C-alpha atoms as a PDB file:
ATOM      1  CA  MET A   1      -5.157 -23.314  15.656  1.00  0.00           C
ATOM      2  CA  LEU A   2      -5.462 -19.567  15.637  1.00  0.00           C
ATOM      3  CA  GLN A   3      -8.610 -17.724  16.405  1.00  0.00           C
ATOM      4  CA  LYS A   4     -10.556 -16.932  13.356  1.00  0.00           C
ATOM      5  CA  LEU A   5     -11.155 -13.467  14.406  1.00  0.00           C
ATOM      6  CA  ILE A   6     -10.251 -11.654  17.298  1.00  0.00           C
ATOM      7  CA  ILE A   7     -11.645  -7.967  17.348  1.00  0.00           C
ATOM      8  CA  LEU A   8     -10.225  -5.752  20.152  1.00  0.00           C
ATOM      9  CA  SER A   9     -12.462  -2.850  21.700  1.00  0.00           C
ATOM     10  CA  SER A  10     -11.417   0.388  20.546  1.00  0.00           C
ATOM     11  CA  LEU A  11     -11.444   1.520  24.035  1.00  0.00           C
ATOM     12  CA  CYS A  12      -8.113  -0.608  24.339  1.00  0.00           C
ATOM     13  CA  TRP A  13      -6.511   1.886  22.132  1.00  0.00           C
ATOM     14  CA  PRO A  14      -6.870   5.357  23.645  1.00  0.00           C
ATOM     15  CA  LEU A  15      -4.721   6.560  20.364  1.00  0.00           C
ATOM     16  CA  ASN A  16      -7.252   4.975  18.182  1.00  0.00           C
ATOM     17  CA  ALA A  17     -10.531   5.948  20.014  1.00  0.00           C
ATOM     18  CA  PHE A  18     -12.548   5.928  16.788  1.00  0.00           C
ATOM     19  CA  ALA A  19     -10.967   3.129  15.157  1.00  0.00           C
ATOM     20  CA  GLN A  20     -12.296  -0.130  14.625  1.00  0.00           C
ATOM     21  CA  VAL A  21      -9.170  -2.436  15.343  1.00  0.00           C
ATOM     22  CA  ASN A  22      -9.273  -5.669  14.283  1.00  0.00           C
ATOM     23  CA  PHE A  23      -7.183  -8.960  14.457  1.00  0.00           C
ATOM     24  CA  THR A  24      -7.951 -11.378  11.545  1.00  0.00           C
ATOM     25  CA  GLU A  25      -6.437 -14.804  10.711  1.00  0.00           C
ATOM     26  CA  ILE A  26      -5.831 -15.210   6.876  1.00  0.00           C
ATOM     27  CA  ASN A  27      -4.264 -18.446   5.640  1.00  0.00           C
ATOM     28  CA  GLY A  28      -2.467 -18.910   9.287  1.00  0.00           C
ATOM     29  CA  SER A  29      -1.308 -15.447   9.823  1.00  0.00           C
ATOM     30  CA  ILE A  30      -2.854 -12.607  11.569  1.00  0.00           C
ATOM     31  CA  LEU A  31      -3.304  -9.196   9.769  1.00  0.00           C
ATOM     32  CA  HIS A  32      -3.770  -5.730  11.568  1.00  0.00           C
ATOM     33  CA  SER A  33      -6.204  -3.633  10.525  1.00  0.00           C
ATOM     34  CA  GLN A  34      -7.924  -0.239  11.386  1.00  0.00           C
ATOM     35  CA  TYR A  35     -11.317   1.088  10.072  1.00  0.00           C
ATOM     36  CA  TYR A  36     -12.364   4.684  10.756  1.00  0.00           C
ATOM     37  CA  PRO A  37     -15.995   4.871   9.772  1.00  0.00           C
ATOM     38  CA  ASN A  38     -17.331   8.405   9.030  1.00  0.00           C
ATOM     39  CA  ALA A  39     -21.264   8.149   8.658  1.00  0.00           C
ATOM     40  CA  ASN A  40     -21.138  12.033   7.534  1.00  0.00           C
ATOM     41  CA  ALA A  41     -19.155  11.624   4.610  1.00  0.00           C
ATOM     42  CA  LYS A  42     -20.617  12.154   0.742  1.00  0.00           C
ATOM     43  CA  PHE A  43     -18.520   9.010  -0.184  1.00  0.00           C
ATOM     44  CA  LYS A  44     -20.466   5.789   0.870  1.00  0.00           C
ATOM     45  CA  GLY A  45     -17.480   3.706  -0.078  1.00  0.00           C
ATOM     46  CA  THR A  46     -14.257   3.151   1.246  1.00  0.00           C
ATOM     47  CA  ILE A  47     -10.762   5.043   0.776  1.00  0.00           C
ATOM     48  CA  LEU A  48      -8.208   1.890   1.361  1.00  0.00           C
ATOM     49  CA  PHE A  49      -4.573   2.632   2.018  1.00  0.00           C
ATOM     50  CA  GLN A  50      -1.512   0.308   0.812  1.00  0.00           C
ATOM     51  CA  ASN A  51       1.837   1.229   2.725  1.00  0.00           C
ATOM     52  CA  GLY A  52       5.085   1.137   0.973  1.00  0.00           C
ATOM     53  CA  SER A  53       8.058  -1.274   1.481  1.00  0.00           C
ATOM     54  CA  GLY A  54       9.136  -2.042   4.754  1.00  0.00           C
ATOM     55  CA  THR A  55       6.495   0.452   6.580  1.00  0.00           C
ATOM     56  CA  SER A  56       3.276  -0.145   8.730  1.00  0.00           C
ATOM     57  CA  LEU A  57       0.082   1.561   8.559  1.00  0.00           C
ATOM     58  CA  LYS A  58       1.728   4.508  10.897  1.00  0.00           C
ATOM     59  CA  GLU A  59       2.936   6.011   7.587  1.00  0.00           C
ATOM     60  CA  TRP A  60      -0.888   7.406   7.328  1.00  0.00           C
ATOM     61  CA  THR A  61      -1.361   8.466  11.008  1.00  0.00           C
ATOM     62  CA  GLU A  62       1.715   9.593  12.124  1.00  0.00           C
ATOM     63  CA  ASN A  63       1.267  13.073  11.011  1.00  0.00           C
ATOM     64  CA  LYS A  64      -1.925  14.240  12.984  1.00  0.00           C
ATOM     65  CA  THR A  65      -2.510  16.865  10.291  1.00  0.00           C
ATOM     66  CA  PHE A  66      -2.823  14.752   7.475  1.00  0.00           C
ATOM     67  CA  PHE A  67      -4.821  12.093   9.584  1.00  0.00           C
ATOM     68  CA  GLU A  68      -7.031  14.294  10.972  1.00  0.00           C
ATOM     69  CA  CYS A  69      -7.816  15.706   7.342  1.00  0.00           C
ATOM     70  CA  ILE A  70      -8.549  12.591   5.521  1.00  0.00           C
ATOM     71  CA  LYS A  71     -10.582  11.199   7.989  1.00  0.00           C
ATOM     72  CA  GLN A  72     -13.382  13.775   6.962  1.00  0.00           C
ATOM     73  CA  HIS A  73     -13.466  12.459   3.571  1.00  0.00           C
ATOM     74  CA  GLY A  74     -14.910   9.064   3.935  1.00  0.00           C
ATOM     75  CA  ASN A  75     -14.695   5.772   5.542  1.00  0.00           C
ATOM     76  CA  LEU A  76     -11.006   4.499   5.921  1.00  0.00           C
ATOM     77  CA  PHE A  77      -9.493   1.165   5.838  1.00  0.00           C
ATOM     78  CA  MET A  78      -5.556   0.535   6.922  1.00  0.00           C
ATOM     79  CA  TYR A  79      -3.668  -2.483   7.313  1.00  0.00           C
ATOM     80  CA  ASP A  80      -0.350  -4.021   7.865  1.00  0.00           C
ATOM     81  CA  ARG A  81       0.845  -6.596   5.630  1.00  0.00           C
ATOM     82  CA  SER A  82       2.312  -9.807   6.839  1.00  0.00           C
ATOM     83  CA  GLY A  83       5.241  -9.218   9.029  1.00  0.00           C
ATOM     84  CA  LEU A  84       5.160  -5.515   9.302  1.00  0.00           C
ATOM     85  CA  GLY A  85       3.768  -3.299  12.100  1.00  0.00           C
ATOM     86  CA  GLU A  86       1.090  -5.273  14.334  1.00  0.00           C
ATOM     87  CA  SER A  87       0.584  -8.472  11.663  1.00  0.00           C
ATOM     88  CA  SER A  88       2.262 -11.449  12.135  1.00  0.00           C
ATOM     89  CA  PRO A  89       4.632 -13.097   9.688  1.00  0.00           C
ATOM     90  CA  ASP A  90       3.491 -15.317   7.053  1.00  0.00           C
ATOM     91  CA  PHE A  91       5.471 -18.570   7.603  1.00  0.00           C
ATOM     92  CA  SER A  92       4.387 -20.081   4.279  1.00  0.00           C
ATOM     93  CA  ILE A  93       6.678 -17.451   2.520  1.00  0.00           C
ATOM     94  CA  SER A  94       9.738 -18.607   1.225  1.00  0.00           C
ATOM     95  CA  LEU A  95      12.390 -18.531  -1.585  1.00  0.00           C
ATOM     96  CA  ARG A  96      10.112 -20.349  -3.808  1.00  0.00           C
ATOM     97  CA  ARG A  97       7.252 -18.701  -2.774  1.00  0.00           C
ATOM     98  CA  PRO A  98       8.060 -15.123  -2.122  1.00  0.00           C
ATOM     99  CA  ILE A  99       5.939 -11.910  -1.533  1.00  0.00           C
ATOM    100  CA  THR A 100       4.186 -10.851  -4.964  1.00  0.00           C
ATOM    101  CA  ALA A 101       1.731  -8.300  -5.690  1.00  0.00           C
ATOM    102  CA  GLN A 102      -0.982 -11.362  -6.452  1.00  0.00           C
ATOM    103  CA  LEU A 103      -0.553 -12.992  -3.121  1.00  0.00           C
ATOM    104  CA  VAL A 104      -0.726  -9.444  -1.253  1.00  0.00           C
ATOM    105  CA  ASN A 105      -4.134  -8.694  -2.769  1.00  0.00           C
ATOM    106  CA  TYR A 106      -5.168 -12.315  -2.517  1.00  0.00           C
ATOM    107  CA  LYS A 107      -5.071 -11.947   1.237  1.00  0.00           C
ATOM    108  CA  LEU A 108      -6.275  -8.299   0.955  1.00  0.00           C
ATOM    109  CA  LEU A 109      -9.300  -9.564  -0.884  1.00  0.00           C
ATOM    110  CA  LYS A 110     -10.050 -11.984   2.016  1.00  0.00           C
ATOM    111  CA  LEU A 111      -9.580  -9.208   4.706  1.00  0.00           C
ATOM    112  CA  LEU A 112     -11.897  -6.791   3.170  1.00  0.00           C
ATOM    113  CA  LYS A 113     -14.484  -9.640   2.571  1.00  0.00           C
ATOM    114  CA  ARG A 114     -13.983 -10.901   6.688  1.00  0.00           C
ATOM    115  CA  ASN A 115     -14.225  -7.543   7.801  1.00  0.00           C
ATOM    116  CA  HIS A 116     -17.110  -6.662   5.633  1.00  0.00           C
ATOM    117  CA  ILE A 117     -15.421  -3.499   4.199  1.00  0.00           C
ATOM    118  CA  LYS A 118     -17.620  -2.186   1.470  1.00  0.00           C
ATOM    119  CA  SER A 119     -17.050  -1.104  -1.809  1.00  0.00           C
ATOM    120  CA  PRO A 120     -16.489   0.938  -3.981  1.00  0.00           C
ATOM    121  CA  TYR A 121     -12.638   1.696  -3.541  1.00  0.00           C
ATOM    122  CA  ILE A 122     -10.731   4.711  -3.635  1.00  0.00           C
ATOM    123  CA  LEU A 123      -7.333   3.377  -3.528  1.00  0.00           C
ATOM    124  CA  VAL A 124      -4.299   5.343  -1.678  1.00  0.00           C
ATOM    125  CA  SER A 125      -0.501   3.950  -2.063  1.00  0.00           C
ATOM    126  CA  HIS A 126       2.919   5.156  -1.247  1.00  0.00           C
ATOM    127  CA  SER A 127       5.792   3.869  -2.875  1.00  0.00           C
ATOM    128  CA  TYR A 128       6.150   0.006  -3.284  1.00  0.00           C
ATOM    129  CA  GLY A 129       2.340  -0.078  -2.116  1.00  0.00           C
ATOM    130  CA  GLY A 130       1.743   1.437  -5.868  1.00  0.00           C
ATOM    131  CA  MET A 131       2.659  -1.775  -7.094  1.00  0.00           C
ATOM    132  CA  HIS A 132      -0.071  -3.881  -5.208  1.00  0.00           C
ATOM    133  CA  ALA A 133      -2.529  -1.051  -5.495  1.00  0.00           C
ATOM    134  CA  GLY A 134      -2.024  -0.994  -9.305  1.00  0.00           C
ATOM    135  CA  TYR A 135      -2.486  -4.637  -9.381  1.00  0.00           C
ATOM    136  CA  PHE A 136      -6.045  -4.447  -7.410  1.00  0.00           C
ATOM    137  CA  ALA A 137      -6.939  -1.621  -9.813  1.00  0.00           C
ATOM    138  CA  ARG A 138      -6.220  -3.468 -13.298  1.00  0.00           C
ATOM    139  CA  LYS A 139      -7.680  -6.741 -11.648  1.00  0.00           C
ATOM    140  CA  TYR A 140     -10.828  -5.285 -10.056  1.00  0.00           C
ATOM    141  CA  PRO A 141     -11.502  -2.089 -12.128  1.00  0.00           C
ATOM    142  CA  ASP A 142     -15.467  -2.359 -11.261  1.00  0.00           C
ATOM    143  CA  SER A 143     -14.502  -2.099  -7.760  1.00  0.00           C
ATOM    144  CA  VAL A 144     -12.441   0.876  -8.051  1.00  0.00           C
ATOM    145  CA  VAL A 145     -13.747   4.713  -8.619  1.00  0.00           C
ATOM    146  CA  GLY A 146     -10.477   6.638  -7.801  1.00  0.00           C
ATOM    147  CA  MET A 147      -6.747   6.271  -7.337  1.00  0.00           C
ATOM    148  CA  LEU A 148      -4.168   8.598  -5.417  1.00  0.00           C
ATOM    149  CA  MET A 149      -0.399   7.287  -5.806  1.00  0.00           C
ATOM    150  CA  VAL A 150       2.239   9.257  -3.292  1.00  0.00           C
ATOM    151  CA  ASP A 151       5.545   8.656  -5.052  1.00  0.00           C
ATOM    152  CA  PRO A 152       4.819   5.246  -6.488  1.00  0.00           C
ATOM    153  CA  VAL A 153       7.107   2.635  -7.908  1.00  0.00           C
ATOM    154  CA  PRO A 154       6.751   2.677 -11.937  1.00  0.00           C
ATOM    155  CA  SER A 155       4.655  -0.527 -13.084  1.00  0.00           C
ATOM    156  CA  ASN A 156       7.927  -1.505 -14.883  1.00  0.00           C
ATOM    157  CA  TYR A 157      11.417  -0.791 -13.927  1.00  0.00           C
ATOM    158  CA  GLN A 158      14.854  -1.765 -13.029  1.00  0.00           C
ATOM    159  CA  TYR A 159      16.290  -1.345  -9.833  1.00  0.00           C
ATOM    160  CA  SER A 160      19.764   0.301  -9.525  1.00  0.00           C
ATOM    161  CA  ASN A 161      23.141  -1.809  -9.709  1.00  0.00           C
ATOM    162  CA  ARG A 162      23.319  -0.789  -5.703  1.00  0.00           C
ATOM    163  CA  ILE A 163      20.131  -2.205  -4.864  1.00  0.00           C
ATOM    164  CA  GLN A 164      20.931  -5.067  -6.685  1.00  0.00           C
ATOM    165  CA  LYS A 165      24.318  -5.659  -5.058  1.00  0.00           C
ATOM    166  CA  GLN A 166      22.401  -5.010  -1.423  1.00  0.00           C
ATOM    167  CA  PHE A 167      19.855  -7.770  -2.416  1.00  0.00           C
ATOM    168  CA  GLU A 168      22.927 -10.356  -3.686  1.00  0.00           C
ATOM    169  CA  ILE A 169      24.147  -9.632   0.009  1.00  0.00           C
ATOM    170  CA  ALA A 170      21.302 -10.545   1.768  1.00  0.00           C
ATOM    171  CA  LEU A 171      20.720 -13.605  -0.613  1.00  0.00           C
ATOM    172  CA  THR A 172      23.732 -15.262   0.536  1.00  0.00           C
ATOM    173  CA  ASN A 173      22.841 -14.750   4.246  1.00  0.00           C
ATOM    174  CA  MET A 174      19.107 -15.857   3.796  1.00  0.00           C
ATOM    175  CA  ASP A 175      18.958 -18.518   1.517  1.00  0.00           C
ATOM    176  CA  LYS A 176      19.987 -21.004   3.896  1.00  0.00           C
ATOM    177  CA  ILE A 177      17.609 -20.062   6.673  1.00  0.00           C
ATOM    178  CA  SER A 178      13.702 -20.744   6.899  1.00  0.00           C
ATOM    179  CA  SER A 179      11.407 -17.848   6.904  1.00  0.00           C
ATOM    180  CA  ARG A 180      10.661 -18.291  10.442  1.00  0.00           C
ATOM    181  CA  GLU A 181      14.265 -17.652  11.299  1.00  0.00           C
ATOM    182  CA  ALA A 182      14.356 -14.898   8.586  1.00  0.00           C
ATOM    183  CA  TYR A 183      11.628 -13.193  10.417  1.00  0.00           C
ATOM    184  CA  LYS A 184      12.977 -13.441  13.796  1.00  0.00           C
ATOM    185  CA  LEU A 185      16.549 -12.245  13.022  1.00  0.00           C
ATOM    186  CA  HIS A 186      15.442  -9.450  10.257  1.00  0.00           C
ATOM    187  CA  SER A 187      11.810  -8.574  11.667  1.00  0.00           C
ATOM    188  CA  PHE A 188      10.055  -5.447  11.188  1.00  0.00           C
ATOM    189  CA  SER A 189      10.421  -4.540  15.002  1.00  0.00           C
ATOM    190  CA  ARG A 190      14.490  -4.698  14.680  1.00  0.00           C
ATOM    191  CA  GLN A 191      14.872  -2.676  11.390  1.00  0.00           C
ATOM    192  CA  ASN A 192      17.908  -0.445  11.956  1.00  0.00           C
ATOM    193  CA  LYS A 193      20.914   0.997   9.935  1.00  0.00           C
ATOM    194  CA  GLY A 194      22.847  -2.484  10.284  1.00  0.00           C
ATOM    195  CA  ASN A 195      19.779  -4.320   9.328  1.00  0.00           C
ATOM    196  CA  MET A 196      18.700  -2.285   6.394  1.00  0.00           C
ATOM    197  CA  MET A 197      16.695  -5.363   4.578  1.00  0.00           C
ATOM    198  CA  THR A 198      14.099  -6.973   7.014  1.00  0.00           C
ATOM    199  CA  ALA A 199      12.891 -10.451   6.060  1.00  0.00           C
ATOM    200  CA  ASP A 200       9.647  -8.685   4.502  1.00  0.00           C
ATOM    201  CA  SER A 201      11.716  -6.377   1.955  1.00  0.00           C
ATOM    202  CA  PHE A 202      13.781  -9.504   0.822  1.00  0.00           C
ATOM    203  CA  TYR A 203      10.707 -11.810   0.133  1.00  0.00           C
ATOM    204  CA  GLN A 204       9.371  -8.883  -1.446  1.00  0.00           C
ATOM    205  CA  GLN A 205      12.343  -8.160  -3.371  1.00  0.00           C
ATOM    206  CA  LYS A 206      12.561 -12.226  -4.174  1.00  0.00           C
ATOM    207  CA  GLY A 207       9.231 -12.180  -5.972  1.00  0.00           C
ATOM    208  CA  PHE A 208       9.625  -8.436  -7.531  1.00  0.00           C
ATOM    209  CA  HIS A 209      10.072 -10.151 -11.093  1.00  0.00           C
ATOM    210  CA  LYS A 210       7.054 -12.099 -10.774  1.00  0.00           C
ATOM    211  CA  SER A 211       5.363  -8.840  -9.389  1.00  0.00           C
ATOM    212  CA  LEU A 212       5.866  -7.039 -12.769  1.00  0.00           C
ATOM    213  CA  GLU A 213       4.966  -9.760 -14.603  1.00  0.00           C
ATOM    214  CA  GLN A 214       1.626 -10.456 -12.517  1.00  0.00           C
ATOM    215  CA  VAL A 215       0.749  -6.797 -13.399  1.00  0.00           C
ATOM    216  CA  ALA A 216       1.624  -6.702 -16.964  1.00  0.00           C
ATOM    217  CA  LYS A 217      -0.725  -9.742 -17.899  1.00  0.00           C
ATOM    218  CA  LEU A 218      -3.589  -7.946 -16.723  1.00  0.00           C
ATOM    219  CA  PRO A 219      -5.765  -5.491 -18.803  1.00  0.00           C
ATOM    220  CA  ARG A 220      -4.596  -1.963 -19.145  1.00  0.00           C
ATOM    221  CA  MET A 221      -5.793   0.509 -16.389  1.00  0.00           C
ATOM    222  CA  SER A 222      -9.425   1.347 -16.777  1.00  0.00           C
ATOM    223  CA  SER A 223     -10.067   4.732 -17.855  1.00  0.00           C
ATOM    224  CA  MET A 224     -13.246   5.120 -16.053  1.00  0.00           C
ATOM    225  CA  PHE A 225     -11.735   6.563 -12.691  1.00  0.00           C
ATOM    226  CA  PRO A 226      -8.983   9.354 -12.065  1.00  0.00           C
ATOM    227  CA  ILE A 227      -5.577   8.713 -11.066  1.00  0.00           C
ATOM    228  CA  ILE A 228      -3.140  11.050  -9.279  1.00  0.00           C
ATOM    229  CA  ILE A 229       0.137  10.815  -8.829  1.00  0.00           C
ATOM    230  CA  ALA A 230       2.476  13.071  -6.623  1.00  0.00           C
ATOM    231  CA  SER A 231       6.187  12.530  -7.333  1.00  0.00           C
ATOM    232  CA  SER A 232       8.952  13.878  -4.987  1.00  0.00           C
ATOM    233  CA  THR A 233      11.625  15.897  -6.242  1.00  0.00           C
ATOM    234  CA  TYR A 234      13.912  14.077  -4.049  1.00  0.00           C
ATOM    235  CA  MET A 235      13.349  10.441  -5.796  1.00  0.00           C
ATOM    236  CA  ASP A 236      13.436  11.890  -9.264  1.00  0.00           C
ATOM    237  CA  LYS A 237      16.784  12.695  -8.155  1.00  0.00           C
ATOM    238  CA  LYS A 238      18.094   9.683  -5.770  1.00  0.00           C
ATOM    239  CA  ALA A 239      15.662   7.086  -6.979  1.00  0.00           C
ATOM    240  CA  PRO A 240      16.774   3.765  -6.684  1.00  0.00           C
ATOM    241  CA  ILE A 241      16.105   2.434 -10.195  1.00  0.00           C
ATOM    242  CA  LYS A 242      17.471   2.931 -13.670  1.00  0.00           C
ATOM    243  CA  GLY A 243      15.916   5.539 -15.922  1.00  0.00           C
ATOM    244  CA  SER A 244      14.228   8.365 -15.029  1.00  0.00           C
ATOM    245  CA  TRP A 245      11.583   8.188 -11.732  1.00  0.00           C
ATOM    246  CA  TYR A 246       8.947  10.791 -12.988  1.00  0.00           C
ATOM    247  CA  ASN A 247       8.892   9.512 -16.507  1.00  0.00           C
ATOM    248  CA  LEU A 248       8.712   5.997 -15.469  1.00  0.00           C
ATOM    249  CA  GLN A 249       5.843   6.850 -12.951  1.00  0.00           C
ATOM    250  CA  LYS A 250       3.788   7.843 -16.008  1.00  0.00           C
ATOM    251  CA  GLN A 251       3.245   4.373 -16.652  1.00  0.00           C
ATOM    252  CA  TRP A 252       0.265   4.105 -14.159  1.00  0.00           C
ATOM    253  CA  LEU A 253      -1.795   6.743 -15.982  1.00  0.00           C
ATOM    254  CA  ASN A 254      -4.749   6.051 -17.626  1.00  0.00           C
ATOM    255  CA  GLN A 255      -6.876   8.151 -20.208  1.00  0.00           C
ATOM    256  CA  ASN A 256      -9.082   9.613 -17.898  1.00  0.00           C
ATOM    257  CA  PRO A 257      -9.445  13.472 -18.074  1.00  0.00           C
ATOM    258  CA  ASN A 258      -9.026  13.982 -14.738  1.00  0.00           C
ATOM    259  CA  SER A 259      -5.783  12.046 -14.218  1.00  0.00           C
ATOM    260  CA  ILE A 260      -2.525  14.025 -13.626  1.00  0.00           C
ATOM    261  CA  ILE A 261       0.841  13.502 -12.765  1.00  0.00           C
ATOM    262  CA  PHE A 262       2.956  16.263 -10.779  1.00  0.00           C
ATOM    263  CA  LYS A 263       6.236  17.193  -9.063  1.00  0.00           C
ATOM    264  CA  VAL A 264       6.207  17.867  -5.461  1.00  0.00           C
ATOM    265  CA  ASN A 265       9.229  19.602  -3.615  1.00  0.00           C
ATOM    266  CA  SER A 266       9.295  17.199  -0.939  1.00  0.00           C
ATOM    267  CA  GLY A 267      11.376  13.778   0.137  1.00  0.00           C
ATOM    268  CA  HIS A 268       9.695  10.519  -0.644  1.00  0.00           C
ATOM    269  CA  PHE A 269       7.103  10.420   2.151  1.00  0.00           C
ATOM    270  CA  ILE A 270       5.235  13.548   0.664  1.00  0.00           C
ATOM    271  CA  GLN A 271       1.894  12.864   2.771  1.00  0.00           C
ATOM    272  CA  LEU A 272       4.522  13.888   6.210  1.00  0.00           C
ATOM    273  CA  THR A 273       5.987  16.632   4.468  1.00  0.00           C
ATOM    274  CA  GLN A 274       3.105  18.257   2.636  1.00  0.00           C
ATOM    275  CA  PRO A 275       0.221  16.801   4.248  1.00  0.00           C
ATOM    276  CA  LYS A 276      -2.405  19.444   3.162  1.00  0.00           C
ATOM    277  CA  LEU A 277      -1.460  19.107  -0.434  1.00  0.00           C
ATOM    278  CA  ILE A 278      -1.627  15.215  -0.331  1.00  0.00           C
ATOM    279  CA  CYS A 279      -4.874  15.596   1.537  1.00  0.00           C
ATOM    280  CA  GLU A 280      -6.536  18.118  -1.065  1.00  0.00           C
ATOM    281  CA  GLN A 281      -5.664  15.487  -3.912  1.00  0.00           C
ATOM    282  CA  LEU A 282      -7.524  12.975  -2.118  1.00  0.00           C
ATOM    283  CA  ASN A 283     -10.631  15.393  -1.753  1.00  0.00           C
ATOM    284  CA  GLN A 284     -10.564  15.937  -5.497  1.00  0.00           C
ATOM    285  CA  ILE A 285     -10.581  12.501  -6.426  1.00  0.00           C
ATOM    286  CA  VAL A 286     -13.542  11.974  -3.754  1.00  0.00           C
ATOM    287  CA  LYS A 287     -15.298  14.611  -5.116  1.00  0.00           C
ATOM    288  CA  ILE A 288     -15.155  13.406  -8.607  1.00  0.00           C
ATOM    289  CA  ALA A 289     -16.146   9.654  -7.274  1.00  0.00           C
ATOM    290  CA  THR A 290     -19.237  10.893  -5.179  1.00  0.00           C
ATOM    291  CA  GLN A 291     -20.173  13.157  -8.612  1.00  0.00           C
ATOM    292  CA  SER A 292     -19.910  10.352 -10.713  1.00  0.00           C
ATOM    293  CA  SER A 293     -22.183   7.966  -8.097  1.00  0.00           C
ATOM    294  CA  LYS A 294     -24.742  10.693  -8.084  1.00  0.00           C
ATOM    295  CA  SER A 295     -24.881  10.852 -12.326  1.00  0.00           C
ATOM    296  CA  LYS A 296     -25.026   6.843 -12.203  1.00  0.00           C
ATOM    297  CA  ARG A 297     -28.504   6.821 -10.144  1.00  0.00           C
END
C-alpha cells in the first residue's frame, strides 16, 4: 500500500528552494505538486496552474523571467497530472475508463484538500489544460475569481484529419495492451520523435469526446470573474483542429466586462516566448480579484 502522503523537505530540492514539494497518494497513484507561498501578496487565495497535454509543471517554471514574475503575485500551486512529470501513472486508466476532464478534476479536488490549498482560485491554464480548467470553473464557479487561458483549446471542437489519423494508428498499437504496459512503452520520460503519442496523450484523446460532453452539460461560464485569453498567431495558422483556432477560443469567454481575447505573435507556449506579457495579464486578474474581495467586505 502506498503511503498516504509523502512530504519531501525543500532542502532536498535546491532548484526549488522556496517550494513546498509534495507527493500525495490519490486513488492509488502518486501526484507530484509544488506550492510556493507568498505571505506578502495582496491576493490571499491561490493561483492554480493546469499544464497542457503531455507536459509537466516545468512549462511554468523553466522560463526564469516568467517564473520569478508570477511568484510576486500570489501563492502558486502547480502539479503534474497522473503519468506526467514526476507523478506516477494511474493504472486504473484504460480504454473503457480514459482520461476525462471530470476525472482530472476529481483528482485535483482531492489533491487540493489533502494539501490544504486555500481558495478562492485564479486558474491559469495552457493548451488542453484549458479544458480541465474550464470544467473546474463551470463546475465550481464560487471558488474561482479569475482565469488566464494561454492559447487554450476551444470548449467544443474537432481535431483535424491528420490528428485523427495519428490517433487511429496509435489505437491499433495500444488497444491490445494494458495501461501498465502502455505507460511503460510510451511514458512521458520516453517521449521523442519516434514516440509522439505518449500513453497519457492516447488515453486523453480516447476520452476527448466524453470531456466535451462533460463540459457542455455544466452551467454556462459565470460572469462573476474575468477571463483573459492569449491566442498565438502560430496556432491560428497551424492549429490541429477544424475551423478557426482564434474564433473558436472565444467559446470560453463570459460576459464579465474585463474578459478579453487577444492575439500574440508567438508560438504555442506564449509564457515561454512572451513571459512578461503573460505575467502582466496575470497581474491584471490578480488586481481585479483583490479589488473584488475588498468590495465584498
